[in-house]
């Protein structure tokens, strides 16, 4: 699980690769563990994937967020930092 750019201002790409088809859930949560967004929730094919998170302007604060990928065989976490655009 990787994200770029990091830090980001308006969008971040979250990339990962699945070794086999899987039922996958990818979430973004704040530092308090509150669910901010669900980027994927369902069956995905084996191979590389990229999801884009574009928080709506004013919907979230500049902060560190956790991206989590969960499936039957995977539980991956990565941090991403949202900064305010000047």
N, C-alpha and C. Protein backbone atom coordinates (compact mmCIF):
# COMPACT_ATOMS: atom_id res chain seq x y z
N UNK A 1 0.87 -1.17 0.00
CA UNK A 1 0.00 0.00 0.00
C UNK A 1 0.91 1.23 0.00
N UNK A 2 0.70 2.08 -0.96
CA UNK A 2 1.51 3.30 -1.08
C UNK A 2 0.60 4.45 -1.48
N UNK A 3 1.00 5.66 -1.11
CA UNK A 3 0.22 6.82 -1.53
C UNK A 3 1.16 7.92 -2.00
N UNK A 4 0.72 8.67 -2.99
CA UNK A 4 1.52 9.77 -3.53
C UNK A 4 0.61 10.78 -4.21
N UNK A 5 0.95 12.03 -4.26
CA UNK A 5 2.07 12.61 -3.51
C UNK A 5 1.75 12.60 -2.02
N UNK A 6 2.77 12.69 -1.23
CA UNK A 6 2.60 12.71 0.21
C UNK A 6 3.68 13.61 0.79
N UNK A 7 3.34 14.79 1.30
CA UNK A 7 2.01 15.32 1.57
C UNK A 7 1.28 15.73 0.30
N UNK A 8 -0.05 15.91 0.42
CA UNK A 8 -0.87 16.28 -0.74
C UNK A 8 -1.75 17.46 -0.38
N UNK A 9 -2.28 18.15 -1.41
CA UNK A 9 -3.14 19.30 -1.17
C UNK A 9 -4.59 19.06 -1.57
N UNK A 10 -4.85 18.40 -2.68
CA UNK A 10 -6.24 18.23 -3.11
C UNK A 10 -6.60 16.79 -3.50
N UNK A 11 -5.62 15.95 -3.73
CA UNK A 11 -5.90 14.55 -4.07
C UNK A 11 -4.66 13.71 -3.80
N UNK A 12 -4.91 12.45 -3.50
CA UNK A 12 -3.82 11.51 -3.26
C UNK A 12 -4.18 10.19 -3.93
N UNK A 13 -3.21 9.59 -4.61
CA UNK A 13 -3.40 8.29 -5.25
C UNK A 13 -2.92 7.21 -4.29
N UNK A 14 -3.74 6.20 -4.12
CA UNK A 14 -3.42 5.08 -3.24
C UNK A 14 -3.28 3.85 -4.13
N UNK A 15 -2.08 3.29 -4.14
CA UNK A 15 -1.83 2.16 -5.03
C UNK A 15 -1.49 0.91 -4.24
N UNK A 16 -1.85 -0.23 -4.82
CA UNK A 16 -1.59 -1.52 -4.20
C UNK A 16 -1.71 -2.60 -5.26
N UNK A 17 -1.23 -3.78 -4.93
CA UNK A 17 -1.31 -4.91 -5.84
C UNK A 17 -1.86 -6.10 -5.08
N UNK A 18 -2.78 -6.81 -5.70
CA UNK A 18 -3.37 -8.01 -5.09
C UNK A 18 -2.78 -9.25 -5.75
N UNK A 19 -2.33 -10.23 -4.96
CA UNK A 19 -1.76 -11.45 -5.54
C UNK A 19 -2.81 -12.36 -6.16
N UNK A 20 -4.08 -12.20 -5.74
CA UNK A 20 -5.19 -13.01 -6.25
C UNK A 20 -6.46 -12.18 -6.12
N UNK A 21 -7.51 -12.53 -6.86
CA UNK A 21 -8.78 -11.80 -6.68
C UNK A 21 -9.19 -11.84 -5.21
N UNK A 22 -9.78 -10.73 -4.74
CA UNK A 22 -10.14 -10.66 -3.33
C UNK A 22 -11.27 -9.67 -3.11
N UNK A 23 -12.01 -9.89 -2.03
CA UNK A 23 -12.99 -8.93 -1.56
C UNK A 23 -12.21 -7.91 -0.73
N UNK A 24 -12.19 -6.65 -1.17
CA UNK A 24 -11.31 -5.64 -0.60
C UNK A 24 -12.11 -4.45 -0.10
N UNK A 25 -11.67 -3.90 1.02
CA UNK A 25 -12.22 -2.64 1.52
C UNK A 25 -11.04 -1.70 1.78
N UNK A 26 -11.11 -0.51 1.18
CA UNK A 26 -10.08 0.51 1.38
C UNK A 26 -10.77 1.72 2.01
N UNK A 27 -10.26 2.11 3.18
CA UNK A 27 -10.86 3.21 3.93
C UNK A 27 -9.83 4.29 4.23
N UNK A 28 -10.33 5.50 4.45
CA UNK A 28 -9.52 6.61 4.96
C UNK A 28 -10.13 6.98 6.30
N UNK A 29 -9.27 7.06 7.33
CA UNK A 29 -9.73 7.41 8.68
C UNK A 29 -8.84 8.53 9.23
N UNK A 30 -9.44 9.35 10.11
CA UNK A 30 -8.64 10.40 10.75
C UNK A 30 -7.87 9.82 11.93
N UNK A 31 -7.10 10.66 12.61
CA UNK A 31 -6.27 10.20 13.73
C UNK A 31 -7.08 9.68 14.91
N UNK A 32 -8.36 10.03 14.99
CA UNK A 32 -9.22 9.53 16.06
C UNK A 32 -9.93 8.24 15.65
N UNK A 33 -9.65 7.77 14.43
CA UNK A 33 -10.25 6.52 13.97
C UNK A 33 -11.61 6.68 13.31
N UNK A 34 -12.06 7.92 13.13
CA UNK A 34 -13.36 8.15 12.49
C UNK A 34 -13.25 7.90 10.99
N UNK A 35 -14.24 7.22 10.44
CA UNK A 35 -14.27 6.92 9.01
C UNK A 35 -14.51 8.21 8.23
N UNK A 36 -13.62 8.51 7.29
CA UNK A 36 -13.72 9.70 6.45
C UNK A 36 -14.24 9.35 5.06
N UNK A 37 -13.73 8.25 4.49
CA UNK A 37 -14.14 7.85 3.14
C UNK A 37 -13.91 6.36 2.94
N UNK A 38 -14.77 5.74 2.13
CA UNK A 38 -14.57 4.36 1.67
C UNK A 38 -14.25 4.46 0.19
N UNK A 39 -13.05 4.05 -0.19
CA UNK A 39 -12.60 4.17 -1.58
C UNK A 39 -12.90 2.92 -2.39
N UNK A 40 -13.01 1.79 -1.74
CA UNK A 40 -13.34 0.53 -2.42
C UNK A 40 -14.00 -0.39 -1.41
N UNK A 41 -14.97 -1.15 -1.91
CA UNK A 41 -15.65 -2.11 -1.04
C UNK A 41 -16.27 -3.18 -1.92
N UNK A 42 -15.49 -4.22 -2.21
CA UNK A 42 -16.02 -5.28 -3.05
C UNK A 42 -14.91 -6.08 -3.71
N UNK A 43 -15.31 -6.94 -4.60
CA UNK A 43 -14.39 -7.83 -5.29
C UNK A 43 -13.49 -7.05 -6.25
N UNK A 44 -12.20 -7.35 -6.17
CA UNK A 44 -11.23 -6.74 -7.08
C UNK A 44 -10.37 -7.83 -7.69
N UNK A 45 -9.95 -7.62 -8.92
CA UNK A 45 -9.13 -8.59 -9.64
C UNK A 45 -7.70 -8.59 -9.11
N UNK A 46 -7.00 -9.66 -9.39
CA UNK A 46 -5.56 -9.72 -9.05
C UNK A 46 -4.82 -8.69 -9.89
N UNK A 47 -3.71 -8.19 -9.35
CA UNK A 47 -2.88 -7.26 -10.09
C UNK A 47 -2.85 -5.89 -9.45
N UNK A 48 -2.24 -4.93 -10.14
CA UNK A 48 -2.09 -3.58 -9.59
C UNK A 48 -3.39 -2.77 -9.66
N UNK A 49 -3.57 -1.92 -8.67
CA UNK A 49 -4.75 -1.05 -8.60
C UNK A 49 -4.31 0.32 -8.09
N UNK A 50 -5.06 1.35 -8.49
CA UNK A 50 -4.82 2.69 -7.99
C UNK A 50 -6.18 3.35 -7.75
N UNK A 51 -6.35 3.89 -6.55
CA UNK A 51 -7.57 4.60 -6.17
C UNK A 51 -7.19 6.04 -5.90
N UNK A 52 -8.12 6.95 -6.13
CA UNK A 52 -7.87 8.37 -5.93
C UNK A 52 -8.81 8.89 -4.84
N UNK A 53 -8.24 9.55 -3.84
CA UNK A 53 -9.05 10.22 -2.83
C UNK A 53 -8.94 11.70 -3.05
N UNK A 54 -10.09 12.34 -3.28
CA UNK A 54 -10.18 13.79 -3.47
C UNK A 54 -11.13 14.34 -2.43
N UNK A 55 -10.60 14.73 -1.26
CA UNK A 55 -11.52 15.28 -0.26
C UNK A 55 -12.12 16.59 -0.77
N UNK A 56 -13.42 16.74 -0.58
CA UNK A 56 -14.10 17.97 -0.99
C UNK A 56 -13.54 19.14 -0.20
N UNK A 57 -13.40 20.27 -0.85
CA UNK A 57 -12.86 21.47 -0.19
C UNK A 57 -13.67 21.77 1.06
N UNK A 58 -12.97 21.93 2.18
CA UNK A 58 -13.61 22.25 3.44
C UNK A 58 -14.22 21.08 4.18
N UNK A 59 -14.19 19.88 3.59
CA UNK A 59 -14.82 18.72 4.24
C UNK A 59 -13.93 18.07 5.29
N UNK A 60 -12.62 18.25 5.17
CA UNK A 60 -11.68 17.70 6.14
C UNK A 60 -10.60 18.75 6.42
N UNK A 61 -9.97 18.61 7.57
CA UNK A 61 -8.93 19.55 7.97
C UNK A 61 -7.56 19.07 7.50
N UNK A 62 -6.62 19.99 7.46
CA UNK A 62 -5.23 19.60 7.20
C UNK A 62 -4.79 18.75 8.38
N UNK A 63 -4.38 17.53 8.10
CA UNK A 63 -4.03 16.58 9.16
C UNK A 63 -3.42 15.33 8.54
N UNK A 64 -3.03 14.41 9.40
CA UNK A 64 -2.56 13.11 8.96
C UNK A 64 -3.75 12.15 8.95
N UNK A 65 -3.88 11.39 7.88
CA UNK A 65 -4.96 10.43 7.72
C UNK A 65 -4.37 9.05 7.50
N UNK A 66 -5.11 8.05 7.91
CA UNK A 66 -4.68 6.67 7.72
C UNK A 66 -5.47 6.02 6.60
N UNK A 67 -4.77 5.38 5.68
CA UNK A 67 -5.39 4.61 4.61
C UNK A 67 -5.23 3.14 4.98
N UNK A 68 -6.31 2.40 4.94
CA UNK A 68 -6.28 0.99 5.32
C UNK A 68 -6.88 0.15 4.21
N UNK A 69 -6.19 -0.93 3.88
CA UNK A 69 -6.70 -1.92 2.94
C UNK A 69 -6.90 -3.20 3.73
N UNK A 70 -8.11 -3.76 3.64
CA UNK A 70 -8.41 -5.01 4.32
C UNK A 70 -9.02 -6.00 3.35
N UNK A 71 -8.54 -7.23 3.43
CA UNK A 71 -9.13 -8.34 2.71
C UNK A 71 -8.95 -9.58 3.58
N UNK A 72 -9.36 -10.72 3.08
CA UNK A 72 -9.22 -11.95 3.85
C UNK A 72 -7.77 -12.23 4.21
N UNK A 73 -6.84 -11.90 3.31
CA UNK A 73 -5.43 -12.22 3.52
C UNK A 73 -4.53 -11.02 3.76
N UNK A 74 -5.05 -9.81 3.59
CA UNK A 74 -4.23 -8.61 3.73
C UNK A 74 -4.84 -7.64 4.73
N UNK A 75 -3.98 -6.97 5.47
CA UNK A 75 -4.38 -5.86 6.34
C UNK A 75 -3.22 -4.87 6.30
N UNK A 76 -3.33 -3.86 5.43
CA UNK A 76 -2.24 -2.92 5.19
C UNK A 76 -2.66 -1.52 5.63
N UNK A 77 -1.71 -0.77 6.18
CA UNK A 77 -1.97 0.60 6.62
C UNK A 77 -0.87 1.52 6.11
N UNK A 78 -1.26 2.74 5.78
CA UNK A 78 -0.31 3.75 5.34
C UNK A 78 -0.85 5.11 5.78
N UNK A 79 0.03 6.02 6.11
CA UNK A 79 -0.35 7.37 6.53
C UNK A 79 -0.19 8.33 5.35
N UNK A 80 -1.07 9.33 5.29
CA UNK A 80 -0.93 10.39 4.29
C UNK A 80 -1.24 11.73 4.97
N UNK A 81 -0.57 12.75 4.51
CA UNK A 81 -0.67 14.08 5.14
C UNK A 81 -1.33 15.05 4.17
N UNK A 82 -2.48 15.59 4.59
CA UNK A 82 -3.18 16.61 3.82
C UNK A 82 -2.73 17.98 4.33
N UNK A 83 -2.23 18.81 3.43
CA UNK A 83 -1.82 20.17 3.78
C UNK A 83 -2.70 21.16 3.03
N UNK A 84 -2.82 22.35 3.57
CA UNK A 84 -3.64 23.37 2.93
C UNK A 84 -2.89 23.98 1.76
N UNK A 85 -3.61 24.16 0.65
CA UNK A 85 -3.03 24.81 -0.53
C UNK A 85 -2.94 26.31 -0.25
N UNK A 86 -1.91 26.92 -0.77
CA UNK A 86 -1.73 28.37 -0.57
C UNK A 86 -2.32 29.14 -1.71
